[in-house]
Full PDB file with SEQRES, HELIX, SHEET, SSBOND, CRYST1, ORIGX, SCALE, CONECT and MASTER records, all heavy atoms in Angstrom:
SEQRES   1 A   35  THR LEU ASP GLN ILE ASP LEU GLU TRP ASP ARG ARG ILE          
SEQRES   2 A   35  ALA LEU GLY VAL VAL MET ALA ALA GLU GLY TYR PRO LEU          
SEQRES   3 A   35  ALA PRO ARG LYS GLY ASP LEU ILE GLY                          
HELIX    1 AA1 LEU A    2  GLN A    4  5                                   3    
CRYST1    1.000    1.000    1.000  90.00  90.00  90.00 P 1           1          
ORIGX1      1.000000  0.000000  0.000000        0.00000                         
ORIGX2      0.000000  1.000000  0.000000        0.00000                         
ORIGX3      0.000000  0.000000  1.000000        0.00000                         
SCALE1      1.000000  0.000000  0.000000        0.00000                         
SCALE2      0.000000  1.000000  0.000000        0.00000                         
SCALE3      0.000000  0.000000  1.000000        0.00000                         
ATOM      1  N   THR A   1     -13.902  28.463  58.099  1.00  0.00           N  
ATOM      2  CA  THR A   1     -14.746  28.218  59.386  1.00  0.00           C  
ATOM      3  C   THR A   1     -14.058  26.902  60.146  1.00  0.00           C  
ATOM      4  O   THR A   1     -14.758  26.147  60.651  1.00  0.00           O  
ATOM      5  CB  THR A   1     -16.097  27.886  58.965  1.00  0.00           C  
ATOM      6  OG1 THR A   1     -16.229  26.790  58.000  1.00  0.00           O  
ATOM      7  CG2 THR A   1     -16.844  29.059  58.423  1.00  0.00           C  
ATOM      8  N   LEU A   2     -12.836  26.819  60.217  1.00  0.00           N  
ATOM      9  CA  LEU A   2     -12.196  25.689  60.861  1.00  0.00           C  
ATOM     10  C   LEU A   2     -12.472  25.872  62.381  1.00  0.00           C  
ATOM     11  O   LEU A   2     -12.359  24.825  63.129  1.00  0.00           O  
ATOM     12  CB  LEU A   2     -10.716  25.676  60.711  1.00  0.00           C  
ATOM     13  CG  LEU A   2     -10.115  25.032  59.381  1.00  0.00           C  
ATOM     14  CD1 LEU A   2      -8.679  25.296  59.279  1.00  0.00           C  
ATOM     15  CD2 LEU A   2     -10.568  23.652  59.342  1.00  0.00           C  
ATOM     16  N   ASP A   3     -12.881  26.987  62.851  1.00  0.00           N  
ATOM     17  CA  ASP A   3     -13.097  27.131  64.308  1.00  0.00           C  
ATOM     18  C   ASP A   3     -14.485  26.546  64.644  1.00  0.00           C  
ATOM     19  O   ASP A   3     -14.817  26.359  65.854  1.00  0.00           O  
ATOM     20  CB  ASP A   3     -13.167  28.625  64.668  1.00  0.00           C  
ATOM     21  CG  ASP A   3     -14.134  29.453  63.731  1.00  0.00           C  
ATOM     22  OD1 ASP A   3     -14.458  29.139  62.667  1.00  0.00           O  
ATOM     23  OD2 ASP A   3     -14.632  30.437  64.396  1.00  0.00           O  
ATOM     24  N   GLN A   4     -15.309  26.039  63.666  1.00  0.00           N  
ATOM     25  CA  GLN A   4     -16.527  25.387  63.999  1.00  0.00           C  
ATOM     26  C   GLN A   4     -16.557  23.888  64.082  1.00  0.00           C  
ATOM     27  O   GLN A   4     -17.680  23.267  64.230  1.00  0.00           O  
ATOM     28  CB  GLN A   4     -17.512  25.902  62.896  1.00  0.00           C  
ATOM     29  CG  GLN A   4     -17.824  27.358  62.778  1.00  0.00           C  
ATOM     30  CD  GLN A   4     -18.671  27.793  61.695  1.00  0.00           C  
ATOM     31  OE1 GLN A   4     -19.370  26.919  61.161  1.00  0.00           O  
ATOM     32  NE2 GLN A   4     -18.753  29.038  61.383  1.00  0.00           N  
ATOM     33  N   ILE A   5     -15.282  23.287  63.870  1.00  0.00           N  
ATOM     34  CA  ILE A   5     -15.266  21.820  63.823  1.00  0.00           C  
ATOM     35  C   ILE A   5     -14.156  21.306  64.762  1.00  0.00           C  
ATOM     36  O   ILE A   5     -13.222  22.044  65.047  1.00  0.00           O  
ATOM     37  CB  ILE A   5     -15.110  21.229  62.455  1.00  0.00           C  
ATOM     38  CG1 ILE A   5     -13.875  21.794  61.831  1.00  0.00           C  
ATOM     39  CG2 ILE A   5     -16.390  21.409  61.670  1.00  0.00           C  
ATOM     40  CD1 ILE A   5     -13.307  21.032  60.563  1.00  0.00           C  
ATOM     41  N   ASP A   6     -14.303  20.099  65.256  1.00  0.00           N  
ATOM     42  CA  ASP A   6     -13.333  19.254  65.768  1.00  0.00           C  
ATOM     43  C   ASP A   6     -13.094  18.002  65.112  1.00  0.00           C  
ATOM     44  O   ASP A   6     -13.879  17.584  64.333  1.00  0.00           O  
ATOM     45  CB  ASP A   6     -13.723  18.912  67.340  1.00  0.00           C  
ATOM     46  CG  ASP A   6     -13.794  20.157  68.179  1.00  0.00           C  
ATOM     47  OD1 ASP A   6     -12.894  20.893  68.225  1.00  0.00           O  
ATOM     48  OD2 ASP A   6     -14.986  20.303  68.856  1.00  0.00           O  
ATOM     49  N   LEU A   7     -11.903  17.408  65.327  1.00  0.00           N  
ATOM     50  CA  LEU A   7     -11.536  16.176  64.736  1.00  0.00           C  
ATOM     51  C   LEU A   7     -11.640  14.973  65.710  1.00  0.00           C  
ATOM     52  O   LEU A   7     -11.302  15.128  66.772  1.00  0.00           O  
ATOM     53  CB  LEU A   7     -10.042  16.285  64.159  1.00  0.00           C  
ATOM     54  CG  LEU A   7      -9.915  17.391  63.090  1.00  0.00           C  
ATOM     55  CD1 LEU A   7      -8.375  17.408  62.642  1.00  0.00           C  
ATOM     56  CD2 LEU A   7     -10.755  17.083  61.917  1.00  0.00           C  
ATOM     57  N   GLU A   8     -12.051  13.862  65.087  1.00  0.00           N  
ATOM     58  CA  GLU A   8     -12.203  12.560  65.828  1.00  0.00           C  
ATOM     59  C   GLU A   8     -11.066  11.687  65.429  1.00  0.00           C  
ATOM     60  O   GLU A   8     -10.929  11.414  64.211  1.00  0.00           O  
ATOM     61  CB  GLU A   8     -13.521  12.036  65.691  1.00  0.00           C  
ATOM     62  CG  GLU A   8     -13.885  10.908  66.653  1.00  0.00           C  
ATOM     63  CD  GLU A   8     -15.316  10.274  66.435  1.00  0.00           C  
ATOM     64  OE1 GLU A   8     -16.006  10.812  65.625  1.00  0.00           O  
ATOM     65  OE2 GLU A   8     -15.540   9.179  67.120  1.00  0.00           O  
ATOM     66  N   TRP A   9     -10.406  11.027  66.383  1.00  0.00           N  
ATOM     67  CA  TRP A   9      -9.279  10.107  66.002  1.00  0.00           C  
ATOM     68  C   TRP A   9      -9.522   8.731  66.572  1.00  0.00           C  
ATOM     69  O   TRP A   9     -10.145   8.508  67.692  1.00  0.00           O  
ATOM     70  CB  TRP A   9      -8.080  10.723  66.538  1.00  0.00           C  
ATOM     71  CG  TRP A   9      -7.640  12.048  66.091  1.00  0.00           C  
ATOM     72  CD1 TRP A   9      -7.919  13.182  66.653  1.00  0.00           C  
ATOM     73  CD2 TRP A   9      -7.108  12.246  64.848  1.00  0.00           C  
ATOM     74  NE1 TRP A   9      -7.525  14.168  65.843  1.00  0.00           N  
ATOM     75  CE2 TRP A   9      -7.009  13.720  64.665  1.00  0.00           C  
ATOM     76  CE3 TRP A   9      -6.621  11.472  63.824  1.00  0.00           C  
ATOM     77  CZ2 TRP A   9      -6.466  14.337  63.566  1.00  0.00           C  
ATOM     78  CZ3 TRP A   9      -6.117  12.051  62.664  1.00  0.00           C  
ATOM     79  CH2 TRP A   9      -5.985  13.453  62.568  1.00  0.00           C  
ATOM     80  N   ASP A  10      -9.109   7.792  65.812  1.00  0.00           N  
ATOM     81  CA  ASP A  10      -9.067   6.345  66.304  1.00  0.00           C  
ATOM     82  C   ASP A  10      -7.911   6.354  67.466  1.00  0.00           C  
ATOM     83  O   ASP A  10      -6.943   6.828  67.355  1.00  0.00           O  
ATOM     84  CB  ASP A  10      -8.585   5.472  65.187  1.00  0.00           C  
ATOM     85  CG  ASP A  10      -8.769   3.959  65.524  1.00  0.00           C  
ATOM     86  OD1 ASP A  10      -8.296   3.518  66.568  1.00  0.00           O  
ATOM     87  OD2 ASP A  10      -9.269   3.249  64.596  1.00  0.00           O  
ATOM     88  N   ARG A  11      -8.325   5.717  68.537  1.00  0.00           N  
ATOM     89  CA  ARG A  11      -7.499   5.713  69.816  1.00  0.00           C  
ATOM     90  C   ARG A  11      -6.219   4.803  69.588  1.00  0.00           C  
ATOM     91  O   ARG A  11      -5.289   4.888  70.259  1.00  0.00           O  
ATOM     92  CB  ARG A  11      -8.231   5.130  70.955  1.00  0.00           C  
ATOM     93  CG  ARG A  11      -8.744   3.714  70.819  1.00  0.00           C  
ATOM     94  CD  ARG A  11      -9.264   3.017  72.016  1.00  0.00           C  
ATOM     95  NE  ARG A  11      -9.677   1.659  71.692  1.00  0.00           N  
ATOM     96  CZ  ARG A  11      -8.867   0.663  71.603  1.00  0.00           C  
ATOM     97  NH1 ARG A  11      -7.555   0.891  71.769  1.00  0.00           N  
ATOM     98  NH2 ARG A  11      -9.254  -0.552  71.224  1.00  0.00           N  
ATOM     99  N   ARG A  12      -6.252   3.962  68.428  1.00  0.00           N  
ATOM    100  CA  ARG A  12      -5.070   3.066  68.246  1.00  0.00           C  
ATOM    101  C   ARG A  12      -3.917   3.887  67.603  1.00  0.00           C  
ATOM    102  O   ARG A  12      -4.053   4.949  67.099  1.00  0.00           O  
ATOM    103  CB  ARG A  12      -5.556   1.911  67.332  1.00  0.00           C  
ATOM    104  CG  ARG A  12      -6.412   0.843  67.984  1.00  0.00           C  
ATOM    105  CD  ARG A  12      -7.012  -0.034  66.949  1.00  0.00           C  
ATOM    106  NE  ARG A  12      -7.995   0.529  65.921  1.00  0.00           N  
ATOM    107  CZ  ARG A  12      -8.405  -0.068  64.942  1.00  0.00           C  
ATOM    108  NH1 ARG A  12      -8.091  -1.343  64.780  1.00  0.00           N  
ATOM    109  NH2 ARG A  12      -9.189   0.533  64.013  1.00  0.00           N  
ATOM    110  N   ILE A  13      -2.861   3.155  67.667  1.00  0.00           N  
ATOM    111  CA  ILE A  13      -1.591   3.688  67.049  1.00  0.00           C  
ATOM    112  C   ILE A  13      -1.508   3.249  65.533  1.00  0.00           C  
ATOM    113  O   ILE A  13      -1.984   2.093  65.230  1.00  0.00           O  
ATOM    114  CB  ILE A  13      -0.285   3.152  67.684  1.00  0.00           C  
ATOM    115  CG1 ILE A  13      -0.111   3.932  69.057  1.00  0.00           C  
ATOM    116  CG2 ILE A  13       0.869   3.359  66.858  1.00  0.00           C  
ATOM    117  CD1 ILE A  13      -0.924   3.466  70.250  1.00  0.00           C  
ATOM    118  N   ALA A  14      -1.136   4.109  64.666  1.00  0.00           N  
ATOM    119  CA  ALA A  14      -0.910   3.738  63.311  1.00  0.00           C  
ATOM    120  C   ALA A  14       0.552   3.896  63.011  1.00  0.00           C  
ATOM    121  O   ALA A  14       1.278   4.867  63.334  1.00  0.00           O  
ATOM    122  CB  ALA A  14      -1.693   4.686  62.296  1.00  0.00           C  
ATOM    123  N   LEU A  15       1.177   2.801  62.174  1.00  0.00           N  
ATOM    124  CA  LEU A  15       2.564   2.940  61.966  1.00  0.00           C  
ATOM    125  C   LEU A  15       2.734   2.495  60.462  1.00  0.00           C  
ATOM    126  O   LEU A  15       2.157   1.530  60.070  1.00  0.00           O  
ATOM    127  CB  LEU A  15       3.316   1.922  62.845  1.00  0.00           C  
ATOM    128  CG  LEU A  15       4.737   1.832  62.798  1.00  0.00           C  
ATOM    129  CD1 LEU A  15       5.288   1.629  64.130  1.00  0.00           C  
ATOM    130  CD2 LEU A  15       5.206   0.635  61.930  1.00  0.00           C  
ATOM    131  N   GLY A  16       3.569   3.207  59.796  1.00  0.00           N  
ATOM    132  CA  GLY A  16       3.841   2.986  58.377  1.00  0.00           C  
ATOM    133  C   GLY A  16       5.335   2.767  58.056  1.00  0.00           C  
ATOM    134  O   GLY A  16       6.149   3.554  58.546  1.00  0.00           O  
ATOM    135  N   VAL A  17       5.635   1.770  57.277  1.00  0.00           N  
ATOM    136  CA  VAL A  17       6.992   1.368  56.944  1.00  0.00           C  
ATOM    137  C   VAL A  17       7.113   1.678  55.425  1.00  0.00           C  
ATOM    138  O   VAL A  17       6.364   1.084  54.614  1.00  0.00           O  
ATOM    139  CB  VAL A  17       7.375   0.044  57.313  1.00  0.00           C  
ATOM    140  CG1 VAL A  17       8.785  -0.324  56.988  1.00  0.00           C  
ATOM    141  CG2 VAL A  17       7.062  -0.319  58.823  1.00  0.00           C  
ATOM    142  N   VAL A  18       8.164   2.416  55.067  1.00  0.00           N  
ATOM    143  CA  VAL A  18       8.428   2.709  53.687  1.00  0.00           C  
ATOM    144  C   VAL A  18       9.278   1.618  52.998  1.00  0.00           C  
ATOM    145  O   VAL A  18      10.294   1.216  53.671  1.00  0.00           O  
ATOM    146  CB  VAL A  18       9.098   4.021  53.468  1.00  0.00           C  
ATOM    147  CG1 VAL A  18       9.612   4.230  52.034  1.00  0.00           C  
ATOM    148  CG2 VAL A  18       7.968   5.171  53.747  1.00  0.00           C  
ATOM    149  N   MET A  19       8.860   1.087  51.885  1.00  0.00           N  
ATOM    150  CA  MET A  19       9.840   0.252  51.111  1.00  0.00           C  
ATOM    151  C   MET A  19      10.378   1.137  49.974  1.00  0.00           C  
ATOM    152  O   MET A  19       9.520   1.668  49.152  1.00  0.00           O  
ATOM    153  CB  MET A  19       8.988  -1.014  50.589  1.00  0.00           C  
ATOM    154  CG  MET A  19       8.421  -1.826  51.673  1.00  0.00           C  
ATOM    155  SD  MET A  19       7.531  -3.256  50.910  1.00  0.00           S  
ATOM    156  CE  MET A  19       8.913  -4.334  50.402  1.00  0.00           C  
ATOM    157  N   ALA A  20      11.628   1.314  49.796  1.00  0.00           N  
ATOM    158  CA  ALA A  20      12.217   2.109  48.870  1.00  0.00           C  
ATOM    159  C   ALA A  20      13.044   1.223  47.819  1.00  0.00           C  
ATOM    160  O   ALA A  20      13.377   0.046  48.160  1.00  0.00           O  
ATOM    161  CB  ALA A  20      13.126   3.054  49.501  1.00  0.00           C  
ATOM    162  N   ALA A  21      13.228   1.868  46.681  1.00  0.00           N  
ATOM    163  CA  ALA A  21      13.957   1.195  45.621  1.00  0.00           C  
ATOM    164  C   ALA A  21      15.445   1.114  45.825  1.00  0.00           C  
ATOM    165  O   ALA A  21      16.070   1.836  46.622  1.00  0.00           O  
ATOM    166  CB  ALA A  21      13.706   1.991  44.311  1.00  0.00           C  
ATOM    167  N   GLU A  22      16.136   0.219  45.227  1.00  0.00           N  
ATOM    168  CA  GLU A  22      17.569   0.075  45.183  1.00  0.00           C  
ATOM    169  C   GLU A  22      18.174   1.350  44.725  1.00  0.00           C  
ATOM    170  O   GLU A  22      17.698   1.957  43.724  1.00  0.00           O  
ATOM    171  CB  GLU A  22      18.049  -1.086  44.324  1.00  0.00           C  
ATOM    172  CG  GLU A  22      19.529  -1.402  44.396  1.00  0.00           C  
ATOM    173  CD  GLU A  22      20.013  -2.600  43.824  1.00  0.00           C  
ATOM    174  OE1 GLU A  22      19.379  -3.652  44.159  1.00  0.00           O  
ATOM    175  OE2 GLU A  22      20.924  -2.628  42.933  1.00  0.00           O  
ATOM    176  N   GLY A  23      19.228   1.870  45.402  1.00  0.00           N  
ATOM    177  CA  GLY A  23      19.860   3.009  45.043  1.00  0.00           C  
ATOM    178  C   GLY A  23      19.322   4.338  45.686  1.00  0.00           C  
ATOM    179  O   GLY A  23      19.882   5.411  45.527  1.00  0.00           O  
ATOM    180  N   TYR A  24      18.127   4.258  46.253  1.00  0.00           N  
ATOM    181  CA  TYR A  24      17.545   5.367  47.013  1.00  0.00           C  
ATOM    182  C   TYR A  24      18.398   5.785  48.292  1.00  0.00           C  
ATOM    183  O   TYR A  24      19.037   4.801  48.793  1.00  0.00           O  
ATOM    184  CB  TYR A  24      16.192   5.022  47.499  1.00  0.00           C  
ATOM    185  CG  TYR A  24      15.425   6.214  48.178  1.00  0.00           C  
ATOM    186  CD1 TYR A  24      14.936   7.256  47.470  1.00  0.00           C  
ATOM    187  CD2 TYR A  24      15.269   6.218  49.578  1.00  0.00           C  
ATOM    188  CE1 TYR A  24      14.208   8.262  48.097  1.00  0.00           C  
ATOM    189  CE2 TYR A  24      14.660   7.250  50.234  1.00  0.00           C  
ATOM    190  CZ  TYR A  24      14.097   8.241  49.511  1.00  0.00           C  
ATOM    191  OH  TYR A  24      13.467   9.257  50.129  1.00  0.00           O  
ATOM    192  N   PRO A  25      18.789   7.038  48.467  1.00  0.00           N  
ATOM    193  CA  PRO A  25      18.063   8.235  47.939  1.00  0.00           C  
ATOM    194  C   PRO A  25      18.706   8.861  46.812  1.00  0.00           C  
ATOM    195  O   PRO A  25      18.067   9.695  46.078  1.00  0.00           O  
ATOM    196  CB  PRO A  25      18.150   9.230  49.149  1.00  0.00           C  
ATOM    197  CG  PRO A  25      19.280   8.888  49.886  1.00  0.00           C  
ATOM    198  CD  PRO A  25      19.474   7.366  49.679  1.00  0.00           C  
ATOM    199  N   LEU A  26      20.025   8.617  46.475  1.00  0.00           N  
ATOM    200  CA  LEU A  26      20.574   9.311  45.436  1.00  0.00           C  
ATOM    201  C   LEU A  26      20.332   8.981  44.002  1.00  0.00           C  
ATOM    202  O   LEU A  26      20.134   9.669  43.037  1.00  0.00           O  
ATOM    203  CB  LEU A  26      22.294   9.294  45.649  1.00  0.00           C  
ATOM    204  CG  LEU A  26      22.770  10.193  46.728  1.00  0.00           C  
ATOM    205  CD1 LEU A  26      24.225  10.067  46.858  1.00  0.00           C  
ATOM    206  CD2 LEU A  26      22.484  11.652  46.443  1.00  0.00           C  
ATOM    207  N   ALA A  27      20.247   7.704  43.745  1.00  0.00           N  
ATOM    208  CA  ALA A  27      20.006   7.083  42.269  1.00  0.00           C  
ATOM    209  C   ALA A  27      19.087   5.922  42.397  1.00  0.00           C  
ATOM    210  O   ALA A  27      19.562   4.793  42.116  1.00  0.00           O  
ATOM    211  CB  ALA A  27      21.330   6.745  41.747  1.00  0.00           C  
ATOM    212  N   PRO A  28      17.815   6.120  42.711  1.00  0.00           N  
ATOM    213  CA  PRO A  28      16.911   5.075  42.842  1.00  0.00           C  
ATOM    214  C   PRO A  28      16.757   4.256  41.375  1.00  0.00           C  
ATOM    215  O   PRO A  28      16.553   4.960  40.465  1.00  0.00           O  
ATOM    216  CB  PRO A  28      15.623   5.558  43.329  1.00  0.00           C  
ATOM    217  CG  PRO A  28      15.712   7.095  42.914  1.00  0.00           C  
ATOM    218  CD  PRO A  28      17.100   7.333  42.965  1.00  0.00           C  
ATOM    219  N   ARG A  29      16.717   2.982  41.353  1.00  0.00           N  
ATOM    220  CA  ARG A  29      16.539   2.201  40.145  1.00  0.00           C  
ATOM    221  C   ARG A  29      14.972   2.093  39.965  1.00  0.00           C  
ATOM    222  O   ARG A  29      14.172   2.020  40.881  1.00  0.00           O  
ATOM    223  CB  ARG A  29      17.079   0.843  40.395  1.00  0.00           C  
ATOM    224  CG  ARG A  29      17.029   0.006  39.135  1.00  0.00           C  
ATOM    225  CD  ARG A  29      17.915  -1.362  39.270  1.00  0.00           C  
ATOM    226  NE  ARG A  29      17.091  -2.280  40.120  1.00  0.00           N  
ATOM    227  CZ  ARG A  29      17.588  -3.373  40.693  1.00  0.00           C  
ATOM    228  NH1 ARG A  29      18.903  -3.501  40.614  1.00  0.00           N  
ATOM    229  NH2 ARG A  29      16.855  -4.180  41.520  1.00  0.00           N  
ATOM    230  N   LYS A  30      14.572   2.150  38.714  1.00  0.00           N  
ATOM    231  CA  LYS A  30      13.100   2.007  38.349  1.00  0.00           C  
ATOM    232  C   LYS A  30      12.864   0.919  37.495  1.00  0.00           C  
ATOM    233  O   LYS A  30      13.771   0.275  36.852  1.00  0.00           O  
ATOM    234  CB  LYS A  30      12.734   3.301  37.588  1.00  0.00           C  
ATOM    235  CG  LYS A  30      12.929   4.527  38.266  1.00  0.00           C  
ATOM    236  CD  LYS A  30      12.359   5.716  37.528  1.00  0.00           C  
ATOM    237  CE  LYS A  30      12.616   7.038  38.330  1.00  0.00           C  
ATOM    238  NZ  LYS A  30      12.280   8.196  37.560  1.00  0.00           N  
ATOM    239  N   GLY A  31      11.685   0.329  37.438  1.00  0.00           N  
ATOM    240  CA  GLY A  31      11.219  -0.682  36.542  1.00  0.00           C  
ATOM    241  C   GLY A  31      11.189  -2.160  37.133  1.00  0.00           C  
ATOM    242  O   GLY A  31      10.822  -3.105  36.386  1.00  0.00           O  
ATOM    243  N   ASP A  32      11.433  -2.271  38.428  1.00  0.00           N  
ATOM    244  CA  ASP A  32      11.397  -3.579  38.985  1.00  0.00           C  
ATOM    245  C   ASP A  32       9.919  -3.944  39.230  1.00  0.00           C  
ATOM    246  O   ASP A  32       9.103  -3.094  39.661  1.00  0.00           O  
ATOM    247  CB  ASP A  32      12.128  -3.587  40.386  1.00  0.00           C  
ATOM    248  CG  ASP A  32      13.663  -3.535  40.191  1.00  0.00           C  
ATOM    249  OD1 ASP A  32      14.151  -4.358  39.408  1.00  0.00           O  
ATOM    250  OD2 ASP A  32      14.227  -2.589  40.761  1.00  0.00           O  
ATOM    251  N   LEU A  33       9.632  -5.258  38.985  1.00  0.00           N  
ATOM    252  CA  LEU A  33       8.352  -5.904  39.147  1.00  0.00           C  
ATOM    253  C   LEU A  33       7.919  -5.941  40.719  1.00  0.00           C  
ATOM    254  O   LEU A  33       8.776  -6.518  41.402  1.00  0.00           O  
ATOM    255  CB  LEU A  33       8.240  -7.172  38.519  1.00  0.00           C  
ATOM    256  CG  LEU A  33       6.924  -7.898  38.427  1.00  0.00           C  
ATOM    257  CD1 LEU A  33       5.888  -7.115  37.563  1.00  0.00           C  
ATOM    258  CD2 LEU A  33       7.055  -9.305  37.868  1.00  0.00           C  
ATOM    259  N   ILE A  34       6.720  -5.590  41.010  1.00  0.00           N  
ATOM    260  CA  ILE A  34       6.276  -5.584  42.394  1.00  0.00           C  
ATOM    261  C   ILE A  34       5.318  -6.745  42.472  1.00  0.00           C  
ATOM    262  O   ILE A  34       4.352  -6.751  41.667  1.00  0.00           O  
ATOM    263  CB  ILE A  34       5.713  -4.192  42.807  1.00  0.00           C  
ATOM    264  CG1 ILE A  34       6.629  -3.198  42.669  1.00  0.00           C  
ATOM    265  CG2 ILE A  34       5.317  -4.277  44.320  1.00  0.00           C  
ATOM    266  CD1 ILE A  34       6.001  -1.714  42.716  1.00  0.00           C  
ATOM    267  N   GLY A  35       5.416  -7.531  43.554  1.00  0.00           N  
ATOM    268  CA  GLY A  35       4.394  -8.614  43.804  1.00  0.00           C  
ATOM    269  C   GLY A  35       4.041  -8.762  45.282  1.00  0.00           C  
ATOM    270  O   GLY A  35       4.842  -8.284  46.117  1.00  0.00           O  
TER     271      GLY A  35                                                      
MASTER        0    0    0    1    0    0    0    6  270    1    0    3          
END                                                                             
């Protein structure tokens, strides 16, 4: 019943920045402490 609803959006812009591990994308390192 998706035809029965509409979506409401925040008028603001949202932006996301990815923080990746050392070695990404081919050989990412694991186990580093995050703070």
